[in-house]
């Protein structure tokens, strides 16, 4: 199992990058993550995974 999987293949963004940015900037939405990291702004296929990460951290 990969400990730090790539979540956004289009922009090569790993889970740890997303988690760190959510915590550092208190991000709440997929759009906010996209503005900070470009994650989810390509094909959009990873947006459900980004939302799951947001839910894990913010709930």
PDB file of N, CA and C in Angstrom:
ATOM      1  N   UNK A   1       0.838  -1.190   0.000  1.00  0.00           N
ATOM      2  CA  UNK A   1       0.000   0.000   0.000  1.00  0.00           C
ATOM      3  C   UNK A   1       0.883   1.254   0.000  1.00  0.00           C
ATOM      4  N   UNK A   2       0.518   2.202  -0.813  1.00  0.00           N
ATOM      5  CA  UNK A   2       1.265   3.455  -0.922  1.00  0.00           C
ATOM      6  C   UNK A   2       0.876   4.369   0.239  1.00  0.00           C
ATOM      7  N   UNK A   3       1.861   4.845   0.983  1.00  0.00           N
ATOM      8  CA  UNK A   3       1.603   5.696   2.140  1.00  0.00           C
ATOM      9  C   UNK A   3       1.224   7.120   1.751  1.00  0.00           C
ATOM     10  N   UNK A   4       1.758   7.583   0.634  1.00  0.00           N
ATOM     11  CA  UNK A   4       1.488   8.942   0.185  1.00  0.00           C
ATOM     12  C   UNK A   4       1.099   8.911  -1.294  1.00  0.00           C
ATOM     13  N   UNK A   5      -0.113   8.434  -1.566  1.00  0.00           N
ATOM     14  CA  UNK A   5      -0.519   8.270  -2.966  1.00  0.00           C
ATOM     15  C   UNK A   5      -0.713   9.609  -3.679  1.00  0.00           C
ATOM     16  N   UNK A   6      -0.519   9.568  -4.981  1.00  0.00           N
ATOM     17  CA  UNK A   6      -0.857  10.722  -5.812  1.00  0.00           C
ATOM     18  C   UNK A   6      -2.375  10.748  -5.913  1.00  0.00           C
ATOM     19  N   UNK A   7      -2.973  11.849  -5.514  1.00  0.00           N
ATOM     20  CA  UNK A   7      -4.428  12.001  -5.572  1.00  0.00           C
ATOM     21  C   UNK A   7      -4.826  12.607  -6.908  1.00  0.00           C
ATOM     22  N   UNK A   8      -4.108  13.627  -7.332  1.00  0.00           N
ATOM     23  CA  UNK A   8      -4.399  14.301  -8.595  1.00  0.00           C
ATOM     24  C   UNK A   8      -3.305  13.948  -9.604  1.00  0.00           C
ATOM     25  N   UNK A   9      -3.638  13.027 -10.502  1.00  0.00           N
ATOM     26  CA  UNK A   9      -2.673  12.616 -11.521  1.00  0.00           C
ATOM     27  C   UNK A   9      -2.377  13.736 -12.514  1.00  0.00           C
ATOM     28  N   UNK A  10      -3.377  14.524 -12.856  1.00  0.00           N
ATOM     29  CA  UNK A  10      -3.192  15.583 -13.852  1.00  0.00           C
ATOM     30  C   UNK A  10      -2.128  16.594 -13.425  1.00  0.00           C
ATOM     31  N   UNK A  11      -2.117  16.922 -12.136  1.00  0.00           N
ATOM     32  CA  UNK A  11      -1.198  17.939 -11.631  1.00  0.00           C
ATOM     33  C   UNK A  11      -0.178  17.381 -10.644  1.00  0.00           C
ATOM     34  N   UNK A  12      -0.115  16.040 -10.545  1.00  0.00           N
ATOM     35  CA  UNK A  12       0.877  15.357  -9.715  1.00  0.00           C
ATOM     36  C   UNK A  12       0.895  15.875  -8.278  1.00  0.00           C
ATOM     37  N   UNK A  13      -0.284  15.829  -7.624  1.00  0.00           N
ATOM     38  CA  UNK A  13      -0.408  16.299  -6.249  1.00  0.00           C
ATOM     39  C   UNK A  13      -0.660  15.097  -5.339  1.00  0.00           C
ATOM     40  N   UNK A  14       0.200  14.934  -4.342  1.00  0.00           N
ATOM     41  CA  UNK A  14       0.105  13.818  -3.394  1.00  0.00           C
ATOM     42  C   UNK A  14      -0.829  14.149  -2.237  1.00  0.00           C
ATOM     43  N   UNK A  15      -1.278  13.091  -1.581  1.00  0.00           N
ATOM     44  CA  UNK A  15      -2.185  13.255  -0.449  1.00  0.00           C
ATOM     45  C   UNK A  15      -1.577  14.134   0.637  1.00  0.00           C
ATOM     46  N   UNK A  16      -0.308  13.920   0.947  1.00  0.00           N
ATOM     47  CA  UNK A  16       0.321  14.709   2.018  1.00  0.00           C
ATOM     48  C   UNK A  16       0.331  16.203   1.691  1.00  0.00           C
ATOM     49  N   UNK A  17       0.496  16.551   0.426  1.00  0.00           N
ATOM     50  CA  UNK A  17       0.461  17.963   0.026  1.00  0.00           C
ATOM     51  C   UNK A  17      -0.924  18.557   0.284  1.00  0.00           C
ATOM     52  N   UNK A  18      -1.946  17.782  -0.046  1.00  0.00           N
ATOM     53  CA  UNK A  18      -3.322  18.245   0.155  1.00  0.00           C
ATOM     54  C   UNK A  18      -3.614  18.386   1.642  1.00  0.00           C
ATOM     55  N   UNK A  19      -3.253  17.376   2.415  1.00  0.00           N
ATOM     56  CA  UNK A  19      -3.494  17.404   3.864  1.00  0.00           C
ATOM     57  C   UNK A  19      -2.784  18.596   4.501  1.00  0.00           C
ATOM     58  N   UNK A  20      -1.521  18.787   4.174  1.00  0.00           N
ATOM     59  CA  UNK A  20      -0.756  19.903   4.750  1.00  0.00           C
ATOM     60  C   UNK A  20      -1.379  21.246   4.412  1.00  0.00           C
ATOM     61  N   UNK A  21      -1.799  21.420   3.158  1.00  0.00           N
ATOM     62  CA  UNK A  21      -2.368  22.706   2.741  1.00  0.00           C
ATOM     63  C   UNK A  21      -3.721  22.956   3.403  1.00  0.00           C
ATOM     64  N   UNK A  22      -4.539  21.904   3.526  1.00  0.00           N
ATOM     65  CA  UNK A  22      -5.837  22.047   4.198  1.00  0.00           C
ATOM     66  C   UNK A  22      -5.628  22.509   5.634  1.00  0.00           C
ATOM     67  N   UNK A  23      -4.673  21.883   6.316  1.00  0.00           N
ATOM     68  CA  UNK A  23      -4.414  22.243   7.708  1.00  0.00           C
ATOM     69  C   UNK A  23      -3.791  23.627   7.833  1.00  0.00           C
ATOM     70  N   UNK A  24      -2.833  23.950   6.970  1.00  0.00           N
ATOM     71  CA  UNK A  24      -2.133  25.236   7.043  1.00  0.00           C
ATOM     72  C   UNK A  24      -3.045  26.420   6.733  1.00  0.00           C
ATOM     73  N   UNK A  25      -3.916  26.234   5.737  1.00  0.00           N
ATOM     74  CA  UNK A  25      -4.749  27.349   5.257  1.00  0.00           C
ATOM     75  C   UNK A  25      -6.200  27.240   5.702  1.00  0.00           C
ATOM     76  N   UNK A  26      -6.526  26.197   6.496  1.00  0.00           N
ATOM     77  CA  UNK A  26      -7.897  25.985   6.969  1.00  0.00           C
ATOM     78  C   UNK A  26      -8.885  25.916   5.799  1.00  0.00           C
ATOM     79  N   UNK A  27      -8.533  25.128   4.795  1.00  0.00           N
ATOM     80  CA  UNK A  27      -9.360  25.019   3.600  1.00  0.00           C
ATOM     81  C   UNK A  27     -10.593  24.176   3.886  1.00  0.00           C
ATOM     82  N   UNK A  28     -11.703  24.528   3.240  1.00  0.00           N
ATOM     83  CA  UNK A  28     -12.976  23.851   3.486  1.00  0.00           C
ATOM     84  C   UNK A  28     -13.608  23.269   2.226  1.00  0.00           C
ATOM     85  N   UNK A  29     -13.175  23.691   1.041  1.00  0.00           N
ATOM     86  CA  UNK A  29     -13.835  23.257  -0.190  1.00  0.00           C
ATOM     87  C   UNK A  29     -12.828  22.735  -1.214  1.00  0.00           C
ATOM     88  N   UNK A  30     -13.358  21.969  -2.167  1.00  0.00           N
ATOM     89  CA  UNK A  30     -12.546  21.477  -3.270  1.00  0.00           C
ATOM     90  C   UNK A  30     -11.983  22.651  -4.063  1.00  0.00           C
ATOM     91  N   UNK A  31     -12.770  23.677  -4.264  1.00  0.00           N
ATOM     92  CA  UNK A  31     -12.308  24.854  -5.007  1.00  0.00           C
ATOM     93  C   UNK A  31     -11.138  25.535  -4.317  1.00  0.00           C
ATOM     94  N   UNK A  32     -11.186  25.622  -2.998  1.00  0.00           N
ATOM     95  CA  UNK A  32     -10.074  26.228  -2.259  1.00  0.00           C
ATOM     96  C   UNK A  32      -8.803  25.402  -2.417  1.00  0.00           C
ATOM     97  N   UNK A  33      -8.939  24.071  -2.362  1.00  0.00           N
ATOM     98  CA  UNK A  33      -7.785  23.199  -2.567  1.00  0.00           C
ATOM     99  C   UNK A  33      -7.231  23.400  -3.981  1.00  0.00           C
ATOM    100  N   UNK A  34      -8.123  23.505  -4.956  1.00  0.00           N
ATOM    101  CA  UNK A  34      -7.712  23.718  -6.338  1.00  0.00           C
ATOM    102  C   UNK A  34      -6.962  25.021  -6.537  1.00  0.00           C
ATOM    103  N   UNK A  35      -7.424  26.066  -5.878  1.00  0.00           N
ATOM    104  CA  UNK A  35      -6.752  27.363  -6.002  1.00  0.00           C
ATOM    105  C   UNK A  35      -5.353  27.332  -5.391  1.00  0.00           C
ATOM    106  N   UNK A  36      -5.187  26.574  -4.328  1.00  0.00           N
ATOM    107  CA  UNK A  36      -3.890  26.503  -3.643  1.00  0.00           C
ATOM    108  C   UNK A  36      -2.909  25.558  -4.327  1.00  0.00           C
ATOM    109  N   UNK A  37      -3.413  24.420  -4.845  1.00  0.00           N
ATOM    110  CA  UNK A  37      -2.523  23.364  -5.327  1.00  0.00           C
ATOM    111  C   UNK A  37      -2.771  22.945  -6.776  1.00  0.00           C
ATOM    112  N   UNK A  38      -3.800  23.455  -7.399  1.00  0.00           N
ATOM    113  CA  UNK A  38      -4.242  23.022  -8.733  1.00  0.00           C
ATOM    114  C   UNK A  38      -4.831  21.616  -8.727  1.00  0.00           C
ATOM    115  N   UNK A  39      -4.904  20.967  -7.583  1.00  0.00           N
ATOM    116  CA  UNK A  39      -5.493  19.626  -7.497  1.00  0.00           C
ATOM    117  C   UNK A  39      -6.985  19.706  -7.815  1.00  0.00           C
ATOM    118  N   UNK A  40      -7.447  18.803  -8.659  1.00  0.00           N
ATOM    119  CA  UNK A  40      -8.866  18.757  -9.016  1.00  0.00           C
ATOM    120  C   UNK A  40      -9.253  19.697 -10.124  1.00  0.00           C
ATOM    121  N   UNK A  41      -8.291  20.402 -10.694  1.00  0.00           N
ATOM    122  CA  UNK A  41      -8.618  21.393 -11.719  1.00  0.00           C
ATOM    123  C   UNK A  41      -8.379  20.889 -13.137  1.00  0.00           C
ATOM    124  N   UNK A  42      -7.860  19.677 -13.273  1.00  0.00           N
ATOM    125  CA  UNK A  42      -7.636  19.091 -14.601  1.00  0.00           C
ATOM    126  C   UNK A  42      -8.901  18.393 -15.051  1.00  0.00           C
ATOM    127  N   UNK A  43      -8.875  17.084 -15.040  1.00  0.00           N
ATOM    128  CA  UNK A  43     -10.030  16.302 -15.500  1.00  0.00           C
ATOM    129  C   UNK A  43     -11.148  16.268 -14.462  1.00  0.00           C
ATOM    130  N   UNK A  44     -10.824  16.525 -13.193  1.00  0.00           N
ATOM    131  CA  UNK A  44     -11.829  16.521 -12.125  1.00  0.00           C
ATOM    132  C   UNK A  44     -12.082  15.152 -11.515  1.00  0.00           C
ATOM    133  N   UNK A  45     -11.393  14.143 -12.009  1.00  0.00           N
ATOM    134  CA  UNK A  45     -11.625  12.794 -11.520  1.00  0.00           C
ATOM    135  C   UNK A  45     -11.249  12.571 -10.067  1.00  0.00           C
ATOM    136  N   UNK A  46     -10.426  13.416  -9.515  1.00  0.00           N
ATOM    137  CA  UNK A  46      -9.971  13.246  -8.132  1.00  0.00           C
ATOM    138  C   UNK A  46     -10.783  14.063  -7.130  1.00  0.00           C
ATOM    139  N   UNK A  47     -11.783  14.784  -7.596  1.00  0.00           N
ATOM    140  CA  UNK A  47     -12.517  15.660  -6.695  1.00  0.00           C
ATOM    141  C   UNK A  47     -13.216  14.912  -5.566  1.00  0.00           C
ATOM    142  N   UNK A  48     -13.691  13.697  -5.824  1.00  0.00           N
ATOM    143  CA  UNK A  48     -14.300  12.911  -4.753  1.00  0.00           C
ATOM    144  C   UNK A  48     -13.263  12.548  -3.690  1.00  0.00           C
ATOM    145  N   UNK A  49     -12.053  12.216  -4.134  1.00  0.00           N
ATOM    146  CA  UNK A  49     -10.977  11.899  -3.191  1.00  0.00           C
ATOM    147  C   UNK A  49     -10.576  13.129  -2.381  1.00  0.00           C
ATOM    148  N   UNK A  50     -10.527  14.268  -3.028  1.00  0.00           N
ATOM    149  CA  UNK A  50     -10.212  15.519  -2.315  1.00  0.00           C
ATOM    150  C   UNK A  50     -11.284  15.806  -1.282  1.00  0.00           C
ATOM    151  N   UNK A  51     -12.542  15.603  -1.644  1.00  0.00           N
ATOM    152  CA  UNK A  51     -13.642  15.832  -0.692  1.00  0.00           C
ATOM    153  C   UNK A  51     -13.531  14.879   0.488  1.00  0.00           C
ATOM    154  N   UNK A  52     -13.167  13.632   0.233  1.00  0.00           N
ATOM    155  CA  UNK A  52     -12.977  12.670   1.326  1.00  0.00           C
ATOM    156  C   UNK A  52     -11.884  13.141   2.285  1.00  0.00           C
ATOM    157  N   UNK A  53     -10.801  13.667   1.744  1.00  0.00           N
ATOM    158  CA  UNK A  53      -9.713  14.181   2.586  1.00  0.00           C
ATOM    159  C   UNK A  53     -10.187  15.393   3.384  1.00  0.00           C
ATOM    160  N   UNK A  54     -10.913  16.292   2.734  1.00  0.00           N
ATOM    161  CA  UNK A  54     -11.472  17.445   3.441  1.00  0.00           C
ATOM    162  C   UNK A  54     -12.379  16.988   4.588  1.00  0.00           C
ATOM    163  N   UNK A  55     -13.222  16.002   4.325  1.00  0.00           N
ATOM    164  CA  UNK A  55     -14.129  15.498   5.357  1.00  0.00           C
ATOM    165  C   UNK A  55     -13.368  14.884   6.540  1.00  0.00           C
ATOM    166  N   UNK A  56     -12.314  14.126   6.231  1.00  0.00           N
ATOM    167  CA  UNK A  56     -11.499  13.509   7.277  1.00  0.00           C
ATOM    168  C   UNK A  56     -10.894  14.547   8.200  1.00  0.00           C
ATOM    169  N   UNK A  57     -10.414  15.630   7.617  1.00  0.00           N
ATOM    170  CA  UNK A  57      -9.703  16.638   8.394  1.00  0.00           C
ATOM    171  C   UNK A  57     -10.656  17.592   9.100  1.00  0.00           C
ATOM    172  N   UNK A  58     -11.739  17.973   8.433  1.00  0.00           N
ATOM    173  CA  UNK A  58     -12.615  19.024   8.951  1.00  0.00           C
ATOM    174  C   UNK A  58     -13.796  18.501   9.767  1.00  0.00           C
ATOM    175  N   UNK A  59     -13.999  17.204   9.788  1.00  0.00           N
ATOM    176  CA  UNK A  59     -15.144  16.673  10.558  1.00  0.00           C
ATOM    177  C   UNK A  59     -14.713  15.962  11.807  1.00  0.00           C
TER     178      UNK A  59
END
